[in-house]
Amino acid sequence: MQREKKRVADSRVTLSALMGPQDANGHGNVHGGVIMKMVDETGALVAMRHARAPVVTVAIDSMSFMKPIFVGSLVRCDAELTFVGRTSMEVRVIVSMENPLTGDTDVTNTAYLVYVALADDGNPTLVPELLLESPEEVLRASEAEQRQAYRKQQRAQEKAHIR
């Protein structure tokens, strides 16, 4: 059975939120957990739009906080697919902040997350293939395949240590 193919552009998502005092940590910056939740929500929406199915998060490769985000900032998460397997999808999320008074913007985080699509019975289900249309998309997919191979290697090592 041949799977449908969908473009990266078909599932891109941008979420924005104004950070308020309820989002602050003890230092007065936005709490990292608030940003992580927003990143996961954005990534999950991309995966759901692609799969047209519920998804679960199975991995967050890394979340580096390059710059603090301040209360009063408009946080924007831009997300798109980088890789699609049989049932899994990798999503790249770029986090940026904007000072709405000055218009100054800055990228604060980049994250790669992996989701698995679920069928009605709760088991993994096939997802459409990814149609790569630009040299950038091809490069990102190649890099994502390397990350996926590394994840599989790490999982095998973790299983060996658990036994």
Foldseek 3Di string as FASTA:
>chain_A
DAFAEDEQVQQKDKDKDQAAPVQQDPVQFGDPVVVVVVQVVRAQSSVCSQFVAHKDWDDKPDKDFQDTHHHQKMKMWIKTWQADDFFKTKMKIWIKTANVVPRDMDTGIIIIIMMGGADPVGDGHGTGGYDYDDPVSVVSNVVVVVVVVVVVVVVVVVVVVVD
